[in-house]
Amino acid sequence: MSTKNGRAYLLVVIEPGKERDFANQIIHQGLIMDSKVERMDFVHGSYDFIIMLTGTPLDIDQHILAIRKLPHVRKTETLIPFEMLDWEDVVAMAKE
């Protein structure tokens, strides 16, 4: 598995009324303090939280699994972005 740092987004649905408990569990486990969770937003829509994780693919996978095991988590969806274009190549082509 790659050791290159990347990012992933975890969309999380929480049991109704347990959003604060979930956020406190993330903090209590040290996921934010240890920079494992880059950002966590409480949102309105199909999901309750969007969590951005950064690190190696193995680190990200381990953190996703840890979050999924937390109480009050009903559903998650993982989004892993990928680079479709090498921006240095795009800039070089634009200069030609």
N, C-alpha and C. Protein backbone atom coordinates (compact mmCIF):
# COMPACT_ATOMS: atom_id res chain seq x y z
N MET A 1 0.84 -1.18 0.00
CA MET A 1 0.00 0.00 0.00
C MET A 1 0.88 1.24 0.00
N SER A 2 0.41 2.29 -0.60
CA SER A 2 1.19 3.51 -0.75
C SER A 2 1.45 4.19 0.59
N THR A 3 2.60 4.87 0.66
CA THR A 3 2.91 5.65 1.86
C THR A 3 2.71 7.13 1.59
N LYS A 4 2.29 7.48 0.38
CA LYS A 4 2.05 8.88 0.03
C LYS A 4 0.81 9.39 0.78
N ASN A 5 0.94 10.59 1.34
CA ASN A 5 -0.19 11.17 2.05
C ASN A 5 -1.28 11.57 1.09
N GLY A 6 -2.48 11.36 1.53
CA GLY A 6 -3.65 11.71 0.74
C GLY A 6 -4.75 12.18 1.67
N ARG A 7 -5.97 12.19 1.13
CA ARG A 7 -7.09 12.60 1.95
C ARG A 7 -8.32 11.78 1.57
N ALA A 8 -9.25 11.72 2.49
CA ALA A 8 -10.52 11.05 2.26
C ALA A 8 -11.58 11.80 3.03
N TYR A 9 -12.80 11.69 2.55
CA TYR A 9 -13.93 12.32 3.21
C TYR A 9 -14.86 11.21 3.68
N LEU A 10 -15.27 11.29 4.93
CA LEU A 10 -16.18 10.31 5.49
C LEU A 10 -17.49 11.03 5.79
N LEU A 11 -18.55 10.60 5.13
CA LEU A 11 -19.89 11.14 5.36
C LEU A 11 -20.55 10.25 6.40
N VAL A 12 -21.09 10.84 7.46
CA VAL A 12 -21.58 10.06 8.59
C VAL A 12 -23.01 10.43 8.94
N VAL A 13 -23.85 9.41 9.13
CA VAL A 13 -25.20 9.59 9.65
C VAL A 13 -25.20 9.11 11.09
N ILE A 14 -25.72 9.94 11.98
CA ILE A 14 -25.73 9.66 13.42
C ILE A 14 -27.19 9.46 13.87
N GLU A 15 -27.36 8.69 14.93
CA GLU A 15 -28.70 8.55 15.53
C GLU A 15 -29.22 9.95 15.87
N PRO A 16 -30.50 10.20 15.61
CA PRO A 16 -31.06 11.52 15.92
C PRO A 16 -30.82 11.92 17.38
N GLY A 17 -30.39 13.17 17.55
CA GLY A 17 -30.15 13.69 18.89
C GLY A 17 -28.81 13.32 19.50
N LYS A 18 -27.99 12.55 18.80
CA LYS A 18 -26.71 12.10 19.35
C LYS A 18 -25.51 12.78 18.67
N GLU A 19 -25.76 13.86 17.95
CA GLU A 19 -24.68 14.53 17.23
C GLU A 19 -23.61 15.06 18.17
N ARG A 20 -24.02 15.65 19.27
CA ARG A 20 -23.05 16.19 20.23
C ARG A 20 -22.23 15.06 20.85
N ASP A 21 -22.89 13.94 21.18
CA ASP A 21 -22.19 12.79 21.74
C ASP A 21 -21.14 12.27 20.76
N PHE A 22 -21.50 12.21 19.48
CA PHE A 22 -20.56 11.74 18.47
C PHE A 22 -19.35 12.66 18.38
N ALA A 23 -19.61 13.97 18.32
CA ALA A 23 -18.50 14.94 18.23
C ALA A 23 -17.59 14.81 19.45
N ASN A 24 -18.18 14.64 20.62
CA ASN A 24 -17.37 14.48 21.84
C ASN A 24 -16.55 13.20 21.80
N GLN A 25 -17.07 12.13 21.21
CA GLN A 25 -16.31 10.89 21.09
C GLN A 25 -15.11 11.06 20.16
N ILE A 26 -15.29 11.80 19.09
CA ILE A 26 -14.18 12.08 18.18
C ILE A 26 -13.07 12.83 18.93
N ILE A 27 -13.48 13.82 19.70
CA ILE A 27 -12.51 14.61 20.47
C ILE A 27 -11.87 13.74 21.56
N HIS A 28 -12.69 12.97 22.29
CA HIS A 28 -12.21 12.12 23.38
C HIS A 28 -11.18 11.10 22.90
N GLN A 29 -11.36 10.56 21.70
CA GLN A 29 -10.42 9.58 21.17
C GLN A 29 -9.15 10.22 20.64
N GLY A 30 -9.09 11.54 20.65
CA GLY A 30 -7.88 12.23 20.21
C GLY A 30 -7.72 12.30 18.71
N LEU A 31 -8.77 12.00 17.97
CA LEU A 31 -8.65 12.01 16.51
C LEU A 31 -8.40 13.41 15.95
N ILE A 32 -8.95 14.44 16.61
CA ILE A 32 -8.72 15.80 16.14
C ILE A 32 -7.39 16.33 16.67
N MET A 33 -7.12 16.08 17.94
CA MET A 33 -5.89 16.59 18.55
C MET A 33 -4.64 16.02 17.89
N ASP A 34 -4.70 14.79 17.41
CA ASP A 34 -3.55 14.15 16.77
C ASP A 34 -3.51 14.41 15.27
N SER A 35 -4.34 15.35 14.80
CA SER A 35 -4.40 15.72 13.38
C SER A 35 -4.78 14.55 12.48
N LYS A 36 -5.47 13.56 13.03
CA LYS A 36 -5.96 12.47 12.19
C LYS A 36 -7.21 12.93 11.45
N VAL A 37 -8.00 13.78 12.12
CA VAL A 37 -9.15 14.39 11.48
C VAL A 37 -8.74 15.82 11.15
N GLU A 38 -8.63 16.11 9.88
CA GLU A 38 -8.22 17.43 9.42
C GLU A 38 -9.33 18.46 9.65
N ARG A 39 -10.57 18.01 9.41
CA ARG A 39 -11.73 18.91 9.55
C ARG A 39 -12.97 18.07 9.78
N MET A 40 -13.89 18.58 10.58
CA MET A 40 -15.16 17.90 10.82
C MET A 40 -16.26 18.95 10.81
N ASP A 41 -17.21 18.79 9.89
CA ASP A 41 -18.31 19.74 9.77
C ASP A 41 -19.64 19.07 10.05
N PHE A 42 -20.47 19.71 10.87
CA PHE A 42 -21.84 19.29 11.10
C PHE A 42 -22.67 19.94 10.00
N VAL A 43 -23.40 19.14 9.23
CA VAL A 43 -24.11 19.66 8.07
C VAL A 43 -25.58 19.25 8.11
N HIS A 44 -26.40 19.94 7.34
CA HIS A 44 -27.80 19.59 7.16
C HIS A 44 -27.94 18.96 5.79
N GLY A 45 -28.60 17.83 5.73
CA GLY A 45 -28.78 17.14 4.46
C GLY A 45 -28.89 15.65 4.71
N SER A 46 -28.45 14.87 3.74
CA SER A 46 -28.54 13.42 3.84
C SER A 46 -27.61 12.84 4.89
N TYR A 47 -26.55 13.57 5.22
CA TYR A 47 -25.58 13.13 6.22
C TYR A 47 -25.50 14.18 7.31
N ASP A 48 -25.04 13.76 8.49
CA ASP A 48 -24.94 14.68 9.62
C ASP A 48 -23.56 15.32 9.75
N PHE A 49 -22.52 14.57 9.40
CA PHE A 49 -21.15 15.07 9.50
C PHE A 49 -20.38 14.75 8.23
N ILE A 50 -19.49 15.65 7.86
CA ILE A 50 -18.49 15.39 6.83
C ILE A 50 -17.14 15.52 7.54
N ILE A 51 -16.37 14.45 7.49
CA ILE A 51 -15.08 14.43 8.17
C ILE A 51 -13.99 14.26 7.12
N MET A 52 -13.00 15.16 7.13
CA MET A 52 -11.87 15.05 6.22
C MET A 52 -10.70 14.46 6.99
N LEU A 53 -10.19 13.35 6.48
CA LEU A 53 -9.04 12.68 7.08
C LEU A 53 -7.84 12.83 6.15
N THR A 54 -6.66 12.98 6.71
CA THR A 54 -5.45 13.03 5.91
C THR A 54 -4.44 12.04 6.47
N GLY A 55 -3.53 11.61 5.61
CA GLY A 55 -2.48 10.68 6.02
C GLY A 55 -2.23 9.66 4.93
N THR A 56 -1.53 8.61 5.29
CA THR A 56 -1.29 7.54 4.32
C THR A 56 -2.59 6.76 4.14
N PRO A 57 -2.73 6.04 3.04
CA PRO A 57 -3.95 5.24 2.86
C PRO A 57 -4.22 4.28 4.02
N LEU A 58 -3.17 3.68 4.57
CA LEU A 58 -3.36 2.76 5.69
C LEU A 58 -3.86 3.50 6.93
N ASP A 59 -3.27 4.67 7.23
CA ASP A 59 -3.73 5.48 8.36
C ASP A 59 -5.19 5.89 8.20
N ILE A 60 -5.52 6.37 7.01
CA ILE A 60 -6.89 6.81 6.73
C ILE A 60 -7.86 5.65 6.92
N ASP A 61 -7.51 4.49 6.39
CA ASP A 61 -8.38 3.31 6.51
C ASP A 61 -8.60 2.94 7.98
N GLN A 62 -7.54 2.96 8.77
CA GLN A 62 -7.66 2.63 10.19
C GLN A 62 -8.56 3.63 10.92
N HIS A 63 -8.46 4.90 10.59
CA HIS A 63 -9.27 5.92 11.25
C HIS A 63 -10.73 5.83 10.82
N ILE A 64 -10.96 5.51 9.56
CA ILE A 64 -12.34 5.31 9.11
C ILE A 64 -12.98 4.14 9.86
N LEU A 65 -12.25 3.05 9.99
CA LEU A 65 -12.78 1.89 10.72
C LEU A 65 -13.05 2.24 12.18
N ALA A 66 -12.17 3.02 12.80
CA ALA A 66 -12.37 3.42 14.20
C ALA A 66 -13.61 4.29 14.36
N ILE A 67 -13.82 5.21 13.43
CA ILE A 67 -14.99 6.08 13.49
C ILE A 67 -16.26 5.27 13.28
N ARG A 68 -16.24 4.33 12.36
CA ARG A 68 -17.43 3.50 12.09
C ARG A 68 -17.84 2.68 13.30
N LYS A 69 -16.90 2.36 14.19
CA LYS A 69 -17.20 1.56 15.37
C LYS A 69 -17.76 2.39 16.53
N LEU A 70 -17.73 3.71 16.41
CA LEU A 70 -18.22 4.56 17.50
C LEU A 70 -19.72 4.37 17.69
N PRO A 71 -20.18 4.49 18.95
CA PRO A 71 -21.61 4.41 19.21
C PRO A 71 -22.35 5.52 18.45
N HIS A 72 -23.57 5.29 18.14
CA HIS A 72 -24.48 6.25 17.50
C HIS A 72 -24.26 6.41 16.00
N VAL A 73 -23.26 5.75 15.41
CA VAL A 73 -23.05 5.83 13.96
C VAL A 73 -24.02 4.87 13.29
N ARG A 74 -24.86 5.41 12.43
CA ARG A 74 -25.84 4.58 11.71
C ARG A 74 -25.35 4.18 10.32
N LYS A 75 -24.66 5.09 9.65
CA LYS A 75 -24.26 4.85 8.27
C LYS A 75 -23.07 5.74 7.93
N THR A 76 -22.18 5.23 7.09
CA THR A 76 -21.08 6.06 6.59
C THR A 76 -20.92 5.83 5.09
N GLU A 77 -20.32 6.79 4.47
CA GLU A 77 -19.96 6.71 3.05
C GLU A 77 -18.58 7.33 2.94
N THR A 78 -17.68 6.67 2.24
CA THR A 78 -16.32 7.17 2.10
C THR A 78 -16.09 7.69 0.68
N LEU A 79 -15.53 8.88 0.59
CA LEU A 79 -15.16 9.47 -0.70
C LEU A 79 -13.64 9.64 -0.70
N ILE A 80 -13.00 9.08 -1.71
CA ILE A 80 -11.55 9.19 -1.84
C ILE A 80 -11.25 9.92 -3.14
N PRO A 81 -10.77 11.16 -3.06
CA PRO A 81 -10.48 11.91 -4.29
C PRO A 81 -9.21 11.40 -4.95
N PHE A 82 -9.13 11.61 -6.23
CA PHE A 82 -7.92 11.26 -6.95
C PHE A 82 -7.59 12.37 -7.93
N GLU A 83 -6.33 12.48 -8.23
CA GLU A 83 -5.87 13.50 -9.15
C GLU A 83 -6.01 12.97 -10.57
N MET A 84 -6.86 13.61 -11.34
CA MET A 84 -7.04 13.16 -12.73
C MET A 84 -5.98 13.78 -13.64
N LEU A 85 -5.50 14.96 -13.27
CA LEU A 85 -4.54 15.66 -14.11
C LEU A 85 -3.33 16.05 -13.28
N ASP A 86 -2.18 15.97 -13.90
CA ASP A 86 -0.97 16.49 -13.28
C ASP A 86 -0.92 17.97 -13.66
N TRP A 87 -1.12 18.85 -12.69
CA TRP A 87 -1.25 20.28 -12.98
C TRP A 87 0.01 20.88 -13.59
N GLU A 88 1.15 20.29 -13.32
CA GLU A 88 2.37 20.78 -13.97
C GLU A 88 2.29 20.53 -15.47
N ASP A 89 1.75 19.37 -15.88
CA ASP A 89 1.57 19.09 -17.31
C ASP A 89 0.56 20.03 -17.93
N VAL A 90 -0.50 20.37 -17.21
CA VAL A 90 -1.53 21.27 -17.73
C VAL A 90 -0.92 22.65 -17.96
N VAL A 91 -0.13 23.13 -17.01
CA VAL A 91 0.52 24.43 -17.16
C VAL A 91 1.49 24.42 -18.33
N ALA A 92 2.26 23.34 -18.45
CA ALA A 92 3.22 23.22 -19.56
C ALA A 92 2.50 23.23 -20.91
N MET A 93 1.36 22.52 -21.01
CA MET A 93 0.60 22.49 -22.27
C MET A 93 0.03 23.86 -22.58
N ALA A 94 -0.38 24.60 -21.56
CA ALA A 94 -0.96 25.91 -21.78
C ALA A 94 0.09 26.90 -22.30
N LYS A 95 1.36 26.69 -21.95
CA LYS A 95 2.42 27.59 -22.39
C LYS A 95 2.85 27.31 -23.83
N GLU A 96 2.50 26.13 -24.34
CA GLU A 96 2.93 25.76 -25.71
C GLU A 96 2.16 26.49 -26.77
